[in-house]
Amino acid sequence: MADDLFKALADPTRRTILDELSEKSGQTLFEICSRLSMKHQLGISRQGVSQHLAMLEAAGLVETRREGRYKFHDLNTAPLRQITERWPVPDTPGPEKSTP
């Protein structure tokens, strides 16, 4: 599992960007910046958001596509499944019993 995934998830601003993309995928940089400013009162520059998006893309959590002069950002949750597959939660029929 890539360390890039955990580094990308470690930052609260990047997690907020992922939250926004889960709410509305396919946003442009302008839309993301607007939502971060208006909805979350984050005073971050376009360049700052762009750098966060680049890290999320390197971790595989964001995919981009170009349509004409616009670049759209989409959430990709596949890397998150790697985490759940690495540490699966065992099925237990009742409350867990702890031993002293």
N, C-alpha and C. Protein backbone atom coordinates (compact mmCIF):
# COMPACT_ATOMS: atom_id res chain seq x y z
N MET A 1 0.85 -1.17 0.00
CA MET A 1 0.00 0.00 0.00
C MET A 1 0.90 1.24 0.00
N ALA A 2 0.56 2.18 -0.81
CA ALA A 2 1.40 3.37 -0.97
C ALA A 2 1.27 4.31 0.22
N ASP A 3 2.41 4.83 0.64
CA ASP A 3 2.41 5.85 1.70
C ASP A 3 1.71 7.12 1.23
N ASP A 4 1.69 7.34 -0.09
CA ASP A 4 1.03 8.53 -0.65
C ASP A 4 -0.43 8.61 -0.22
N LEU A 5 -1.07 7.46 -0.11
CA LEU A 5 -2.48 7.43 0.27
C LEU A 5 -2.66 7.98 1.69
N PHE A 6 -1.84 7.52 2.62
CA PHE A 6 -1.95 7.99 4.00
C PHE A 6 -1.53 9.45 4.14
N LYS A 7 -0.52 9.86 3.39
CA LYS A 7 -0.10 11.26 3.43
C LYS A 7 -1.22 12.16 2.90
N ALA A 8 -1.87 11.71 1.84
CA ALA A 8 -2.96 12.50 1.25
C ALA A 8 -4.12 12.64 2.23
N LEU A 9 -4.43 11.58 2.95
CA LEU A 9 -5.55 11.60 3.89
C LEU A 9 -5.22 12.31 5.21
N ALA A 10 -3.94 12.52 5.47
CA ALA A 10 -3.52 13.12 6.74
C ALA A 10 -3.89 14.60 6.86
N ASP A 11 -4.06 15.28 5.76
CA ASP A 11 -4.30 16.72 5.79
C ASP A 11 -5.80 17.02 5.81
N PRO A 12 -6.26 17.85 6.77
CA PRO A 12 -7.70 18.15 6.85
C PRO A 12 -8.25 18.88 5.63
N THR A 13 -7.44 19.72 4.99
CA THR A 13 -7.93 20.42 3.79
C THR A 13 -8.16 19.43 2.66
N ARG A 14 -7.26 18.47 2.51
CA ARG A 14 -7.44 17.45 1.47
C ARG A 14 -8.67 16.58 1.76
N ARG A 15 -8.90 16.28 3.02
CA ARG A 15 -10.10 15.51 3.37
C ARG A 15 -11.36 16.32 3.05
N THR A 16 -11.31 17.62 3.27
CA THR A 16 -12.45 18.48 2.93
C THR A 16 -12.68 18.49 1.42
N ILE A 17 -11.61 18.54 0.65
CA ILE A 17 -11.73 18.48 -0.81
C ILE A 17 -12.38 17.16 -1.22
N LEU A 18 -11.96 16.06 -0.61
CA LEU A 18 -12.56 14.75 -0.91
C LEU A 18 -14.04 14.74 -0.53
N ASP A 19 -14.38 15.36 0.60
CA ASP A 19 -15.79 15.46 1.00
C ASP A 19 -16.60 16.19 -0.07
N GLU A 20 -16.04 17.28 -0.56
CA GLU A 20 -16.74 18.06 -1.59
C GLU A 20 -16.89 17.25 -2.89
N LEU A 21 -15.86 16.50 -3.25
CA LEU A 21 -15.94 15.70 -4.47
C LEU A 21 -16.88 14.52 -4.29
N SER A 22 -17.04 14.03 -3.06
CA SER A 22 -17.99 12.94 -2.85
C SER A 22 -19.42 13.47 -2.94
N GLU A 23 -19.60 14.73 -2.54
CA GLU A 23 -20.91 15.36 -2.64
C GLU A 23 -21.26 15.71 -4.07
N LYS A 24 -20.27 16.18 -4.82
CA LYS A 24 -20.49 16.57 -6.23
C LYS A 24 -19.20 16.30 -7.01
N SER A 25 -19.16 15.18 -7.67
CA SER A 25 -17.97 14.81 -8.45
C SER A 25 -17.96 15.58 -9.77
N GLY A 26 -16.80 15.67 -10.38
CA GLY A 26 -16.69 16.34 -11.68
C GLY A 26 -16.61 17.85 -11.59
N GLN A 27 -15.94 18.36 -10.56
CA GLN A 27 -15.83 19.80 -10.39
C GLN A 27 -14.54 20.33 -11.01
N THR A 28 -14.60 21.57 -11.45
CA THR A 28 -13.40 22.26 -11.93
C THR A 28 -12.66 22.85 -10.72
N LEU A 29 -11.44 23.31 -10.96
CA LEU A 29 -10.67 23.96 -9.90
C LEU A 29 -11.44 25.17 -9.36
N PHE A 30 -12.04 25.95 -10.24
CA PHE A 30 -12.81 27.12 -9.82
C PHE A 30 -13.95 26.72 -8.88
N GLU A 31 -14.68 25.67 -9.24
CA GLU A 31 -15.81 25.22 -8.41
C GLU A 31 -15.32 24.76 -7.04
N ILE A 32 -14.24 24.00 -7.02
CA ILE A 32 -13.71 23.51 -5.75
C ILE A 32 -13.28 24.67 -4.87
N CYS A 33 -12.55 25.62 -5.45
CA CYS A 33 -12.11 26.80 -4.69
C CYS A 33 -13.31 27.56 -4.14
N SER A 34 -14.35 27.73 -4.95
CA SER A 34 -15.55 28.46 -4.52
C SER A 34 -16.23 27.75 -3.36
N ARG A 35 -16.36 26.45 -3.45
CA ARG A 35 -17.03 25.68 -2.39
C ARG A 35 -16.21 25.72 -1.10
N LEU A 36 -14.88 25.63 -1.20
CA LEU A 36 -14.04 25.68 -0.01
C LEU A 36 -14.14 27.04 0.66
N SER A 37 -14.23 28.08 -0.14
CA SER A 37 -14.32 29.44 0.40
C SER A 37 -15.68 29.72 1.01
N MET A 38 -16.73 29.42 0.26
CA MET A 38 -18.08 29.77 0.69
C MET A 38 -18.62 28.83 1.77
N LYS A 39 -18.44 27.55 1.59
CA LYS A 39 -19.05 26.57 2.48
C LYS A 39 -18.21 26.29 3.72
N HIS A 40 -16.88 26.34 3.56
CA HIS A 40 -15.99 25.96 4.67
C HIS A 40 -15.15 27.13 5.19
N GLN A 41 -15.32 28.30 4.60
CA GLN A 41 -14.59 29.50 5.01
C GLN A 41 -13.07 29.26 5.03
N LEU A 42 -12.58 28.50 4.06
CA LEU A 42 -11.14 28.26 3.95
C LEU A 42 -10.55 29.31 3.02
N GLY A 43 -9.63 30.09 3.52
CA GLY A 43 -8.96 31.11 2.72
C GLY A 43 -7.69 30.54 2.11
N ILE A 44 -7.86 29.73 1.10
CA ILE A 44 -6.73 29.08 0.45
C ILE A 44 -6.68 29.51 -1.01
N SER A 45 -5.50 29.74 -1.53
CA SER A 45 -5.34 30.22 -2.90
C SER A 45 -5.65 29.11 -3.90
N ARG A 46 -5.89 29.51 -5.14
CA ARG A 46 -6.10 28.53 -6.23
C ARG A 46 -4.88 27.64 -6.36
N GLN A 47 -3.70 28.23 -6.23
CA GLN A 47 -2.47 27.45 -6.34
C GLN A 47 -2.39 26.42 -5.20
N GLY A 48 -2.80 26.82 -4.00
CA GLY A 48 -2.81 25.90 -2.87
C GLY A 48 -3.76 24.73 -3.09
N VAL A 49 -4.95 25.03 -3.58
CA VAL A 49 -5.93 23.98 -3.87
C VAL A 49 -5.39 23.08 -4.97
N SER A 50 -4.78 23.67 -5.97
CA SER A 50 -4.20 22.90 -7.07
C SER A 50 -3.11 21.94 -6.56
N GLN A 51 -2.31 22.39 -5.61
CA GLN A 51 -1.27 21.52 -5.04
C GLN A 51 -1.89 20.38 -4.24
N HIS A 52 -2.94 20.68 -3.50
CA HIS A 52 -3.65 19.62 -2.77
C HIS A 52 -4.24 18.60 -3.74
N LEU A 53 -4.85 19.09 -4.82
CA LEU A 53 -5.43 18.19 -5.81
C LEU A 53 -4.36 17.32 -6.46
N ALA A 54 -3.17 17.89 -6.69
CA ALA A 54 -2.08 17.11 -7.29
C ALA A 54 -1.67 15.97 -6.36
N MET A 55 -1.62 16.23 -5.06
CA MET A 55 -1.27 15.18 -4.10
C MET A 55 -2.36 14.11 -4.05
N LEU A 56 -3.62 14.53 -4.09
CA LEU A 56 -4.72 13.57 -4.09
C LEU A 56 -4.71 12.74 -5.37
N GLU A 57 -4.35 13.36 -6.48
CA GLU A 57 -4.27 12.64 -7.75
C GLU A 57 -3.11 11.64 -7.72
N ALA A 58 -1.98 12.04 -7.15
CA ALA A 58 -0.82 11.14 -7.05
C ALA A 58 -1.15 9.92 -6.19
N ALA A 59 -2.02 10.10 -5.20
CA ALA A 59 -2.43 9.00 -4.32
C ALA A 59 -3.53 8.16 -4.97
N GLY A 60 -4.05 8.61 -6.10
CA GLY A 60 -5.09 7.86 -6.80
C GLY A 60 -6.49 8.16 -6.31
N LEU A 61 -6.65 9.12 -5.40
CA LEU A 61 -7.96 9.44 -4.85
C LEU A 61 -8.76 10.38 -5.73
N VAL A 62 -8.09 11.09 -6.62
CA VAL A 62 -8.75 12.00 -7.55
C VAL A 62 -8.27 11.66 -8.96
N GLU A 63 -9.22 11.60 -9.87
CA GLU A 63 -8.91 11.42 -11.29
C GLU A 63 -9.36 12.66 -12.03
N THR A 64 -8.61 13.02 -13.06
CA THR A 64 -8.96 14.21 -13.82
C THR A 64 -9.27 13.83 -15.26
N ARG A 65 -10.08 14.67 -15.87
CA ARG A 65 -10.40 14.51 -17.30
C ARG A 65 -10.55 15.90 -17.89
N ARG A 66 -10.15 16.02 -19.12
CA ARG A 66 -10.24 17.30 -19.81
C ARG A 66 -11.37 17.26 -20.82
N GLU A 67 -12.12 18.35 -20.84
CA GLU A 67 -13.15 18.56 -21.85
C GLU A 67 -12.97 19.98 -22.35
N GLY A 68 -12.39 20.09 -23.52
CA GLY A 68 -12.08 21.41 -24.05
C GLY A 68 -11.04 22.08 -23.18
N ARG A 69 -11.33 23.28 -22.74
CA ARG A 69 -10.37 24.00 -21.90
C ARG A 69 -10.58 23.77 -20.41
N TYR A 70 -11.54 22.92 -20.07
CA TYR A 70 -11.84 22.66 -18.66
C TYR A 70 -11.25 21.33 -18.20
N LYS A 71 -10.81 21.32 -16.95
CA LYS A 71 -10.28 20.12 -16.33
C LYS A 71 -11.21 19.77 -15.16
N PHE A 72 -11.78 18.59 -15.20
CA PHE A 72 -12.72 18.15 -14.19
C PHE A 72 -12.06 17.14 -13.25
N HIS A 73 -12.43 17.23 -11.98
CA HIS A 73 -11.85 16.37 -10.94
C HIS A 73 -12.94 15.44 -10.41
N ASP A 74 -12.63 14.15 -10.39
CA ASP A 74 -13.58 13.15 -9.92
C ASP A 74 -12.97 12.36 -8.78
N LEU A 75 -13.80 11.99 -7.82
CA LEU A 75 -13.37 11.18 -6.69
C LEU A 75 -13.21 9.73 -7.13
N ASN A 76 -12.14 9.09 -6.69
CA ASN A 76 -11.90 7.68 -6.94
C ASN A 76 -11.72 7.00 -5.59
N THR A 77 -12.66 6.17 -5.19
CA THR A 77 -12.59 5.54 -3.87
C THR A 77 -11.86 4.20 -3.88
N ALA A 78 -11.41 3.75 -5.03
CA ALA A 78 -10.74 2.44 -5.12
C ALA A 78 -9.54 2.33 -4.16
N PRO A 79 -8.68 3.34 -4.04
CA PRO A 79 -7.56 3.21 -3.10
C PRO A 79 -8.00 3.03 -1.64
N LEU A 80 -9.16 3.55 -1.29
CA LEU A 80 -9.65 3.39 0.08
C LEU A 80 -10.00 1.94 0.38
N ARG A 81 -10.40 1.19 -0.66
CA ARG A 81 -10.71 -0.23 -0.47
C ARG A 81 -9.46 -1.01 -0.08
N GLN A 82 -8.29 -0.55 -0.52
CA GLN A 82 -7.03 -1.21 -0.14
C GLN A 82 -6.88 -1.22 1.37
N ILE A 83 -7.30 -0.16 2.02
CA ILE A 83 -7.18 -0.07 3.48
C ILE A 83 -8.10 -1.09 4.13
N THR A 84 -9.34 -1.17 3.68
CA THR A 84 -10.28 -2.10 4.30
C THR A 84 -9.92 -3.55 4.00
N GLU A 85 -9.29 -3.79 2.86
CA GLU A 85 -8.87 -5.15 2.53
C GLU A 85 -7.62 -5.55 3.32
N ARG A 86 -6.80 -4.59 3.66
CA ARG A 86 -5.58 -4.88 4.41
C ARG A 86 -5.90 -5.24 5.86
N TRP A 87 -6.85 -4.53 6.46
CA TRP A 87 -7.23 -4.77 7.85
C TRP A 87 -8.72 -5.07 7.93
N PRO A 88 -9.12 -6.25 7.51
CA PRO A 88 -10.56 -6.56 7.54
C PRO A 88 -11.07 -6.67 8.97
N VAL A 89 -12.31 -6.30 9.15
CA VAL A 89 -12.96 -6.39 10.45
C VAL A 89 -13.58 -7.78 10.54
N PRO A 90 -13.21 -8.55 11.58
CA PRO A 90 -13.78 -9.89 11.70
C PRO A 90 -15.26 -9.83 12.04
N ASP A 91 -16.00 -10.80 11.53
CA ASP A 91 -17.42 -10.90 11.86
C ASP A 91 -17.55 -11.55 13.23
N THR A 92 -18.20 -10.84 14.13
CA THR A 92 -18.43 -11.39 15.46
C THR A 92 -19.93 -11.42 15.71
N PRO A 93 -20.42 -12.53 16.24
CA PRO A 93 -21.86 -12.66 16.42
C PRO A 93 -22.44 -11.82 17.54
N GLY A 94 -21.65 -11.37 18.49
CA GLY A 94 -22.19 -10.60 19.60
C GLY A 94 -21.17 -9.61 20.08
N PRO A 95 -21.40 -9.05 21.26
CA PRO A 95 -20.44 -8.09 21.81
C PRO A 95 -19.11 -8.79 22.07
N GLU A 96 -18.06 -8.05 21.82
CA GLU A 96 -16.73 -8.60 22.02
C GLU A 96 -16.45 -8.74 23.51
N LYS A 97 -15.81 -9.82 23.86
CA LYS A 97 -15.43 -10.04 25.25
C LYS A 97 -13.95 -9.74 25.39
N SER A 98 -13.63 -8.94 26.36
CA SER A 98 -12.22 -8.62 26.59
C SER A 98 -11.71 -9.52 27.70
N THR A 99 -10.47 -9.92 27.55
CA THR A 99 -9.85 -10.74 28.57
C THR A 99 -8.89 -9.88 29.38
N PRO A 100 -8.88 -10.06 30.70
CA PRO A 100 -8.02 -9.23 31.55
C PRO A 100 -6.57 -9.54 31.38
